């Protein structure tokens, strides 16, 4: 269901702006019980109240984009899901409440996280960084799978990660997270500052994950990329969800784009 919320009137209800995208295909990834169900999520940095009742869902094998201007609360949302901020509300994973768990326990449940800062280990080689990503030695993904998707990493496998370009470090961070065998990958601004060629590689990588039944919650500034690869989109403003629906619904929602996305 595509919805357009007015954040100044929380609880006033949802105004439908289009059909439920899951209803177009009863067998789509958007139907059935969600992997992740977030309800009334509030998050805080000290005394600053950043998120104000966020609600969202992610189903198996779908890419869901979280859009909005800088400062809207998108990165805080994924950090709250990973237990990296003070938060209250409900975060259910396969129906189990996980809000309040330590970050390492959230990761062990099958939720991967690629932060905007990439956080590679600069003095370790590319291959050593990838080896650190393994949660188990017999998961669905191997280092060769990562090299097949990002051939440049194969060429740089013995190079210290700190000597990689920004785009190569982003590839390494994505690949390392995938080796933890997640069912859901939270990816924060993966294309920020990258050349168009690298942006396309990252987009293809994310699409490959969805095709292999790994769900993605994507925080992204590049609207064209997000709309092209996503099954559903959420738009955030002032720490709340102000729109949810299919990419086509957002394409028709001119007022939402002007008020919450365009600069």
Foldseek 3Di string as FASTA:
>chain_A
DKFFADVVDPPPDTDDLDDALCVVPVPDQPDDDFQKWFFQKWFDDVPRTQAGTATDTWGWLFEEEEEFDPSLCPLVVVCQLLQNTDMDGFIAGVRHTDRPPHNVVSVLVFEFEQDPVLDFDQQAFLQVSLVVLAPDPPAPDDPVNLCVLVVVCVVRRRPGLNPDDPLVSLSSSVNSRCNPVHLEYEYEASCPPHDPVSVVSVLVVQLVCSVVGRYYYYYHLPLVSCLVRGQKYFYGGRNYTRIIHHSVSVVPVVVCCVPTRDD
